[in-house]
N, C-alpha and C. Protein backbone atom coordinates (compact mmCIF):
# COMPACT_ATOMS: atom_id res chain seq x y z
N MET A 1 0.73 -1.06 -0.23
CA MET A 1 -0.02 -0.28 -0.15
C MET A 1 0.83 1.25 0.35
N ILE A 2 0.83 2.34 -0.90
CA ILE A 2 1.38 3.55 -0.99
C ILE A 2 0.71 4.29 -0.23
N GLU A 3 1.03 5.27 0.82
CA GLU A 3 0.52 6.54 0.80
C GLU A 3 1.03 7.63 0.30
N ASP A 4 0.71 8.33 -0.03
CA ASP A 4 0.85 9.60 -0.89
C ASP A 4 -0.23 10.89 -0.43
N SER A 5 0.36 11.72 0.07
CA SER A 5 -0.63 12.54 0.86
C SER A 5 -1.18 12.24 1.83
N ASN A 6 -1.12 11.36 2.70
CA ASN A 6 -1.82 10.79 3.77
C ASN A 6 -2.82 10.10 3.12
N VAL A 7 -3.33 9.78 1.88
CA VAL A 7 -3.99 9.03 1.22
C VAL A 7 -4.22 7.85 1.07
N ALA A 8 -4.80 6.99 1.47
CA ALA A 8 -3.98 5.00 1.52
C ALA A 8 -4.55 4.93 -0.40
N LYS A 9 -3.73 4.02 -0.70
CA LYS A 9 -3.69 3.54 -2.32
C LYS A 9 -4.01 2.20 -2.22
N ILE A 10 -5.15 1.39 -2.15
CA ILE A 10 -5.07 -0.11 -2.55
C ILE A 10 -4.56 -0.58 -3.80
N ALA A 11 -3.80 -1.43 -3.73
CA ALA A 11 -3.25 -1.79 -4.44
C ALA A 11 -4.28 -2.62 -5.70
N SER A 12 -4.01 -3.09 -6.78
CA SER A 12 -4.44 -3.51 -7.85
C SER A 12 -4.13 -3.94 -8.52
N ARG A 13 -4.74 -4.78 -9.40
CA ARG A 13 -3.32 -5.86 -10.79
C ARG A 13 -3.03 -4.81 -11.52
N ASP A 14 -2.99 -3.22 -12.01
CA ASP A 14 -2.22 -2.56 -12.65
C ASP A 14 -1.04 -1.64 -11.73
N ASP A 15 -0.97 -2.03 -10.81
CA ASP A 15 -0.05 -1.20 -10.12
C ASP A 15 1.26 -1.76 -10.16
N TRP A 16 1.62 -3.21 -10.88
CA TRP A 16 2.96 -3.67 -10.85
C TRP A 16 2.81 -4.81 -12.01
N LYS A 17 4.22 -5.19 -12.45
CA LYS A 17 4.29 -5.78 -13.99
C LYS A 17 4.11 -7.07 -12.95
N THR A 18 2.90 -7.79 -13.56
CA THR A 18 2.60 -9.33 -13.02
C THR A 18 2.39 -10.17 -14.45
N GLU A 19 2.43 -11.54 -14.04
CA GLU A 19 2.46 -12.39 -15.37
C GLU A 19 1.32 -13.73 -14.23
N PRO A 20 0.67 -14.18 -15.14
CA PRO A 20 -1.12 -15.41 -14.81
C PRO A 20 -0.08 -16.49 -14.19
N MET A 21 -0.90 -16.66 -13.17
CA MET A 21 -0.77 -18.25 -13.04
C MET A 21 -0.21 -19.30 -14.04
N PRO A 22 0.75 -20.15 -14.08
CA PRO A 22 1.12 -21.06 -15.01
C PRO A 22 -0.05 -21.91 -15.26
N GLU A 23 0.48 -22.62 -16.04
CA GLU A 23 -0.85 -24.00 -16.26
C GLU A 23 -0.19 -25.06 -15.49
N GLN A 24 1.23 -24.85 -15.08
CA GLN A 24 1.40 -25.86 -13.89
C GLN A 24 1.35 -25.95 -12.91
N HIS A 25 0.20 -26.14 -12.21
CA HIS A 25 0.28 -25.61 -10.80
C HIS A 25 -0.43 -26.51 -9.56
N ASP A 26 -0.39 -26.59 -8.55
CA ASP A 26 -1.25 -27.36 -7.73
C ASP A 26 -2.32 -26.74 -7.45
N VAL A 27 -3.39 -27.50 -6.46
CA VAL A 27 -4.19 -26.55 -5.34
C VAL A 27 -4.60 -27.52 -4.24
N PHE A 28 -4.54 -26.51 -3.23
CA PHE A 28 -4.70 -27.17 -1.74
C PHE A 28 -5.57 -26.11 -1.03
N VAL A 29 -6.33 -27.09 -0.13
CA VAL A 29 -6.86 -25.91 0.93
C VAL A 29 -6.07 -25.72 1.99
N LEU A 30 -6.34 -24.40 2.47
CA LEU A 30 -5.93 -23.99 3.46
C LEU A 30 -6.44 -23.38 4.63
N LYS A 31 -6.67 -24.18 5.77
CA LYS A 31 -7.42 -23.89 7.39
C LYS A 31 -7.41 -23.19 7.73
N ARG A 32 -7.63 -21.87 7.34
CA ARG A 32 -7.15 -20.77 8.24
C ARG A 32 -8.79 -19.67 8.73
N SER A 33 -8.69 -19.29 9.69
CA SER A 33 -9.30 -18.34 10.10
C SER A 33 -8.81 -17.14 10.11
N LEU A 34 -9.42 -15.81 9.54
CA LEU A 34 -8.91 -14.57 9.37
C LEU A 34 -10.49 -13.42 9.92
N SER A 35 -9.26 -12.59 10.89
CA SER A 35 -10.26 -11.96 11.21
C SER A 35 -10.69 -10.57 10.37
N ASP A 36 -11.80 -9.97 10.47
CA ASP A 36 -12.05 -8.83 9.58
C ASP A 36 -11.26 -7.74 8.98
N GLU A 37 -10.42 -7.47 10.21
CA GLU A 37 -9.37 -6.68 10.50
C GLU A 37 -8.34 -7.28 9.59
N GLU A 38 -7.84 -8.25 9.74
CA GLU A 38 -6.90 -9.10 9.13
C GLU A 38 -7.62 -9.47 7.34
N MET A 39 -8.38 -9.49 7.17
CA MET A 39 -9.09 -9.40 5.72
C MET A 39 -8.65 -7.88 5.03
N ASN A 40 -9.10 -7.21 6.16
CA ASN A 40 -8.94 -5.52 5.63
C ASN A 40 -7.66 -5.20 5.26
N ALA A 41 -6.87 -5.77 6.16
CA ALA A 41 -5.45 -5.58 5.78
C ALA A 41 -4.97 -6.23 4.34
N LEU A 42 -5.50 -7.50 3.93
CA LEU A 42 -5.18 -8.18 2.81
C LEU A 42 -5.78 -7.31 1.74
N ARG A 43 -7.24 -6.60 1.85
CA ARG A 43 -7.82 -6.01 1.25
C ARG A 43 -6.65 -4.97 0.45
N CYS A 44 -6.01 -4.31 1.20
CA CYS A 44 -5.03 -2.94 1.36
C CYS A 44 -4.03 -3.59 0.12
N GLY A 45 -3.58 -4.79 0.45
CA GLY A 45 -2.76 -5.48 -0.83
C GLY A 45 -1.35 -4.26 -0.27
N ASN A 46 -0.41 -4.81 -1.24
CA ASN A 46 1.04 -4.40 -1.09
C ASN A 46 1.67 -4.12 -2.29
N ILE A 47 2.03 -2.82 -2.46
CA ILE A 47 3.01 -2.27 -3.92
C ILE A 47 4.01 -2.13 -2.89
N PRO A 48 5.12 -2.89 -3.26
CA PRO A 48 6.66 -2.83 -2.93
C PRO A 48 7.18 -1.35 -3.17
N GLN A 49 8.12 -1.15 -2.11
CA GLN A 49 8.62 0.48 -1.95
C GLN A 49 10.04 0.02 -1.97
N ALA A 50 10.81 -0.96 -1.70
CA ALA A 50 12.10 -1.28 -1.19
C ALA A 50 12.36 -2.40 -1.78
N MET A 51 13.69 -2.88 -2.40
CA MET A 51 14.21 -4.11 -2.92
C MET A 51 14.19 -5.38 -1.94
N GLU A 52 13.72 -4.99 -0.48
CA GLU A 52 13.30 -5.93 0.41
C GLU A 52 12.38 -6.62 0.22
N ASP A 53 11.34 -5.93 -0.22
CA ASP A 53 10.26 -5.90 -0.15
C ASP A 53 9.71 -6.80 -1.54
N LYS A 54 10.13 -8.50 -1.23
CA LYS A 54 9.46 -9.31 -2.36
C LYS A 54 8.44 -9.57 -3.11
N TRP A 55 7.18 -8.95 -1.96
CA TRP A 55 5.83 -9.60 -2.95
C TRP A 55 5.13 -8.61 -3.07
N PHE A 56 4.11 -8.29 -4.38
CA PHE A 56 3.36 -7.65 -4.59
C PHE A 56 2.00 -7.98 -4.09
N TRP A 57 0.97 -8.00 -3.56
CA TRP A 57 -0.01 -8.44 -3.57
C TRP A 57 -1.34 -7.55 -3.70
N TYR A 58 -2.68 -7.87 -4.05
CA TYR A 58 -3.85 -7.41 -4.59
C TYR A 58 -4.85 -8.44 -4.64
N MET A 59 -6.42 -7.39 -4.09
CA MET A 59 -7.32 -8.74 -4.00
C MET A 59 -8.56 -8.47 -5.27
N GLU A 60 -9.17 -9.27 -5.65
CA GLU A 60 -10.07 -8.74 -6.78
C GLU A 60 -11.59 -9.72 -6.09
N GLY A 61 -12.17 -9.05 -5.47
CA GLY A 61 -13.24 -9.68 -4.93
C GLY A 61 -12.49 -10.57 -3.67
N SER A 62 -13.06 -11.65 -3.64
CA SER A 62 -12.55 -12.63 -2.16
C SER A 62 -11.20 -13.47 -3.04
N THR A 63 -10.57 -12.85 -4.08
CA THR A 63 -9.39 -13.58 -4.52
C THR A 63 -8.28 -12.59 -4.06
N LEU A 64 -7.20 -13.31 -3.82
CA LEU A 64 -5.92 -13.13 -3.22
C LEU A 64 -5.16 -13.36 -4.29
N TYR A 65 -4.47 -12.60 -5.08
CA TYR A 65 -3.21 -13.15 -5.72
C TYR A 65 -2.14 -12.34 -5.28
N ALA A 66 -0.66 -13.10 -5.19
CA ALA A 66 0.60 -12.77 -4.44
C ALA A 66 1.69 -13.43 -5.73
N HIS A 67 2.21 -12.00 -6.02
CA HIS A 67 3.31 -12.50 -7.10
C HIS A 67 4.32 -11.57 -6.59
N ARG A 68 5.58 -12.61 -7.05
CA ARG A 68 7.03 -12.28 -6.55
C ARG A 68 7.47 -10.62 -7.22
N SER A 69 7.89 -9.90 -6.58
CA SER A 69 8.20 -7.91 -6.70
C SER A 69 9.16 -8.45 -7.64
N TRP A 70 10.03 -8.94 -8.29
CA TRP A 70 11.11 -8.37 -8.91
C TRP A 70 10.69 -9.65 -10.41
N THR A 71 10.13 -10.50 -10.57
CA THR A 71 9.58 -11.01 -11.49
C THR A 71 8.05 -10.92 -12.41
N GLY A 72 7.14 -10.40 -11.12
CA GLY A 72 6.13 -10.50 -11.22
C GLY A 72 5.43 -12.05 -11.24
N TYR A 73 6.28 -12.93 -11.61
CA TYR A 73 5.30 -14.33 -11.23
C TYR A 73 4.38 -14.33 -10.05
N CYS A 74 3.28 -14.89 -10.81
CA CYS A 74 2.37 -15.23 -9.85
C CYS A 74 2.30 -16.75 -8.91
N ILE A 75 2.55 -16.90 -7.38
CA ILE A 75 2.83 -17.41 -6.79
C ILE A 75 2.02 -18.18 -6.13
N TYR A 76 1.00 -17.56 -5.79
CA TYR A 76 -0.10 -17.85 -4.98
C TYR A 76 -1.42 -17.34 -5.22
N ARG A 77 -2.24 -18.06 -5.57
CA ARG A 77 -3.72 -17.15 -5.58
C ARG A 77 -4.30 -18.26 -4.44
N ILE A 78 -5.37 -17.10 -3.92
CA ILE A 78 -6.16 -17.46 -2.43
C ILE A 78 -7.32 -17.49 -2.71
N ASP A 79 -8.64 -18.51 -2.95
CA ASP A 79 -9.86 -18.05 -3.10
C ASP A 79 -10.14 -18.45 -2.14
N PHE A 80 -10.61 -16.84 -0.96
CA PHE A 80 -11.07 -17.13 0.53
C PHE A 80 -12.75 -17.50 0.31
N LYS A 81 -12.49 -18.37 1.52
CA LYS A 81 -14.29 -19.27 1.69
C LYS A 81 -14.71 -18.54 3.02
N ASP A 82 -16.11 -18.42 3.08
CA ASP A 82 -16.65 -18.51 4.51
C ASP A 82 -16.10 -19.21 5.12
N ASP A 83 -16.15 -20.54 4.68
CA ASP A 83 -16.11 -21.76 5.70
C ASP A 83 -14.52 -21.71 6.93
N ASN A 84 -13.63 -20.80 5.79
CA ASN A 84 -12.34 -21.31 6.23
C ASN A 84 -11.04 -22.06 6.15
N ASP A 85 -11.83 -22.55 4.77
CA ASP A 85 -11.45 -23.65 4.27
C ASP A 85 -11.09 -22.83 2.79
N HIS A 86 -9.92 -22.28 2.95
CA HIS A 86 -9.70 -21.33 1.29
C HIS A 86 -8.81 -22.53 0.39
N ILE A 87 -8.65 -22.02 -0.85
CA ILE A 87 -8.83 -22.35 -1.97
C ILE A 87 -7.70 -21.88 -2.39
N VAL A 88 -6.11 -22.79 -2.14
CA VAL A 88 -5.08 -22.27 -2.94
C VAL A 88 -4.61 -22.43 -3.94
N THR A 89 -3.87 -21.85 -5.09
CA THR A 89 -3.43 -22.23 -6.22
C THR A 89 -2.15 -21.96 -6.26
N VAL A 90 -1.00 -22.81 -6.48
CA VAL A 90 0.39 -22.94 -6.23
C VAL A 90 0.99 -22.90 -7.55
N ASN A 91 2.09 -22.14 -7.54
CA ASN A 91 2.89 -21.87 -8.99
C ASN A 91 3.70 -23.35 -8.96
N ARG A 92 3.84 -24.18 -9.93
CA ARG A 92 4.59 -25.46 -9.59
C ARG A 92 5.66 -25.40 -11.16
N ASP A 93 5.61 -24.50 -11.83
CA ASP A 93 6.44 -24.24 -13.01
C ASP A 93 7.91 -24.18 -12.02
N PRO A 94 8.87 -25.18 -12.63
CA PRO A 94 10.38 -25.17 -11.62
C PRO A 94 10.86 -23.96 -12.27
N GLU A 95 10.80 -23.08 -13.63
CA GLU A 95 11.53 -22.11 -13.67
C GLU A 95 10.90 -20.90 -13.20
N GLN A 96 9.84 -21.12 -12.50
CA GLN A 96 9.10 -19.61 -11.42
C GLN A 96 9.24 -19.92 -10.19
N TYR A 97 9.37 -21.20 -9.56
CA TYR A 97 9.24 -21.46 -8.16
C TYR A 97 9.42 -22.85 -7.98
N LYS A 98 10.41 -23.06 -6.91
CA LYS A 98 11.26 -23.83 -6.98
C LYS A 98 10.73 -25.08 -5.75
N CYS A 99 9.56 -24.56 -5.10
CA CYS A 99 8.99 -25.56 -4.00
C CYS A 99 7.70 -26.12 -4.73
N THR A 100 7.84 -27.58 -4.19
CA THR A 100 7.28 -28.67 -4.75
C THR A 100 6.41 -29.86 -3.59
N SER A 101 6.52 -29.07 -2.18
CA SER A 101 5.39 -29.50 -1.40
C SER A 101 4.73 -28.78 -0.99
N ILE A 102 3.07 -29.01 -0.87
CA ILE A 102 2.26 -28.86 -0.36
C ILE A 102 2.26 -28.19 0.93
N GLU A 103 2.94 -29.23 2.14
CA GLU A 103 3.22 -28.34 3.10
C GLU A 103 4.26 -27.83 3.67
N GLU A 104 5.49 -27.37 2.85
CA GLU A 104 5.91 -26.35 2.98
C GLU A 104 5.22 -25.40 2.45
N ASP A 105 4.62 -25.15 1.14
CA ASP A 105 3.92 -24.16 0.99
C ASP A 105 2.47 -23.66 1.73
N ILE A 106 1.93 -24.58 3.08
CA ILE A 106 1.26 -24.69 3.58
C ILE A 106 1.93 -23.63 4.41
N ASP A 107 3.47 -23.96 5.46
CA ASP A 107 3.91 -23.16 6.35
C ASP A 107 4.35 -21.57 5.70
N SER A 108 4.60 -21.47 4.27
CA SER A 108 5.21 -20.48 4.07
C SER A 108 3.63 -19.32 3.99
N LEU A 109 3.06 -20.16 3.30
CA LEU A 109 1.76 -19.02 3.07
C LEU A 109 1.10 -18.68 4.60
N ASN A 110 1.33 -19.81 5.64
CA ASN A 110 0.84 -18.94 7.06
C ASN A 110 1.80 -18.12 7.22
N SER A 111 2.50 -18.19 7.28
CA SER A 111 4.03 -16.82 7.65
C SER A 111 3.90 -15.96 7.20
N LEU A 112 3.70 -16.26 5.75
CA LEU A 112 3.23 -14.79 5.15
C LEU A 112 2.08 -14.18 5.47
N LEU A 113 0.82 -14.48 5.26
CA LEU A 113 -0.18 -14.38 5.97
C LEU A 113 -0.17 -13.61 7.30
N ASP A 114 0.48 -13.97 8.02
CA ASP A 114 0.74 -13.39 9.70
C ASP A 114 1.61 -12.28 9.35
N PHE A 115 2.78 -11.94 8.60
CA PHE A 115 3.11 -10.57 7.97
C PHE A 115 2.27 -9.95 7.47
N TRP A 116 1.34 -10.45 6.29
CA TRP A 116 0.94 -9.73 5.64
C TRP A 116 -0.70 -9.11 6.13
N THR A 117 -1.01 -9.52 7.35
CA THR A 117 -2.19 -9.07 7.68
C THR A 117 -1.97 -8.78 9.19
N LYS A 118 -0.83 -7.68 9.63
CA LYS A 118 -0.32 -6.69 10.79
C LYS A 118 -0.47 -5.53 9.86
N ARG A 119 -0.63 -4.64 10.88
CA ARG A 119 -0.64 -2.90 10.39
C ARG A 119 0.27 -2.79 11.19
N PRO A 120 1.29 -1.47 10.81
CA PRO A 120 1.41 -1.84 9.43
C PRO A 120 2.58 -2.43 9.10
N TYR A 121 2.77 -3.36 8.02
CA TYR A 121 2.96 -4.06 7.09
C TYR A 121 4.69 -4.11 7.16
N ASP A 122 5.17 -5.11 7.65
CA ASP A 122 6.64 -4.89 7.67
C ASP A 122 7.39 -5.62 7.12
N HIS A 123 7.87 -5.25 5.63
CA HIS A 123 8.42 -5.81 4.78
C HIS A 123 9.79 -6.24 4.95
N TYR A 124 10.62 -5.55 5.68
CA TYR A 124 11.94 -5.73 6.41
C TYR A 124 11.86 -6.86 7.77
N ASN A 125 11.13 -6.78 8.46
CA ASN A 125 11.49 -8.31 9.22
C ASN A 125 10.81 -9.85 8.68
N GLU A 126 9.72 -9.30 7.34
CA GLU A 126 9.02 -10.38 6.68
C GLU A 126 10.71 -11.35 5.75
N TRP A 127 11.65 -10.01 5.12
CA TRP A 127 12.67 -10.76 4.26
C TRP A 127 13.41 -11.30 5.02
N LEU A 128 13.66 -10.72 6.80
CA LEU A 128 14.76 -11.22 7.61
C LEU A 128 14.45 -12.99 7.68
N SER A 129 12.73 -13.24 7.88
CA SER A 129 12.31 -14.35 8.06
C SER A 129 13.16 -15.32 7.12
N GLU A 130 12.64 -15.11 6.26
CA GLU A 130 12.22 -15.49 5.09
C GLU A 130 13.48 -15.93 4.48
N THR A 131 14.63 -15.04 4.67
CA THR A 131 16.31 -15.07 4.38
C THR A 131 16.90 -16.29 5.53
N TYR A 132 16.11 -16.10 6.81
CA TYR A 132 16.71 -17.23 7.82
C TYR A 132 16.21 -18.38 7.47
N ASP A 133 14.86 -18.70 7.21
CA ASP A 133 14.73 -20.00 6.85
C ASP A 133 14.94 -20.33 5.80
N MET A 134 15.64 -19.93 5.02
CA MET A 134 15.70 -20.30 3.60
C MET A 134 17.73 -20.72 3.86
N LEU A 135 18.31 -20.31 4.82
CA LEU A 135 19.82 -20.78 5.37
C LEU A 135 19.38 -21.65 6.03
N LYS A 136 18.52 -21.84 6.91
CA LYS A 136 18.37 -23.02 7.63
C LYS A 136 18.22 -24.45 7.11
N LYS A 137 17.37 -23.97 5.86
CA LYS A 137 16.88 -25.36 5.41
C LYS A 137 18.22 -25.67 4.08
N THR A 138 19.06 -25.04 4.23
CA THR A 138 20.13 -25.22 3.33
C THR A 138 21.79 -25.37 4.22
N ASP A 139 21.08 -25.59 5.19
CA ASP A 139 21.65 -26.22 6.72
C ASP A 139 23.16 -24.89 6.35
N LYS A 140 22.95 -23.79 6.25
CA LYS A 140 23.63 -22.52 6.30
C LYS A 140 23.82 -22.47 8.11
N ILE A 141 22.81 -22.46 8.25
CA ILE A 141 22.41 -21.94 9.94
C ILE A 141 21.97 -23.33 11.00
N LYS A 142 22.69 -23.64 11.77
CA LYS A 142 22.07 -24.69 12.44
C LYS A 142 21.38 -24.22 13.70
């Protein structure tokens, strides 16, 4: 979300370079409840303001689209459902996204949603957390 003259801008598809979800994808259910306040934070979206901010996301209706900010690749599409069984479509094109595990995607997506639903959104701490998790997976950190 960009602040300009104290007016908050809600992110939309046209605010950033985006690529569609590729034909190679998986679908799974994410069981998670979100408060009205958290959903409102997601509806604001995020237009990256710094190099460390790796995500651009926006909502159209009840669907959230999450793209990597540098490439525009769509990594996640979340169709939010009233029963809290949200339908997630995840990118499986190995040229765009390396993860192949739904369990890892569930963990990553829950962590991302934890960051994205906080106000104010703190992209720097999210970047640190993602970097630490990546290093831990490669055994660079014990």
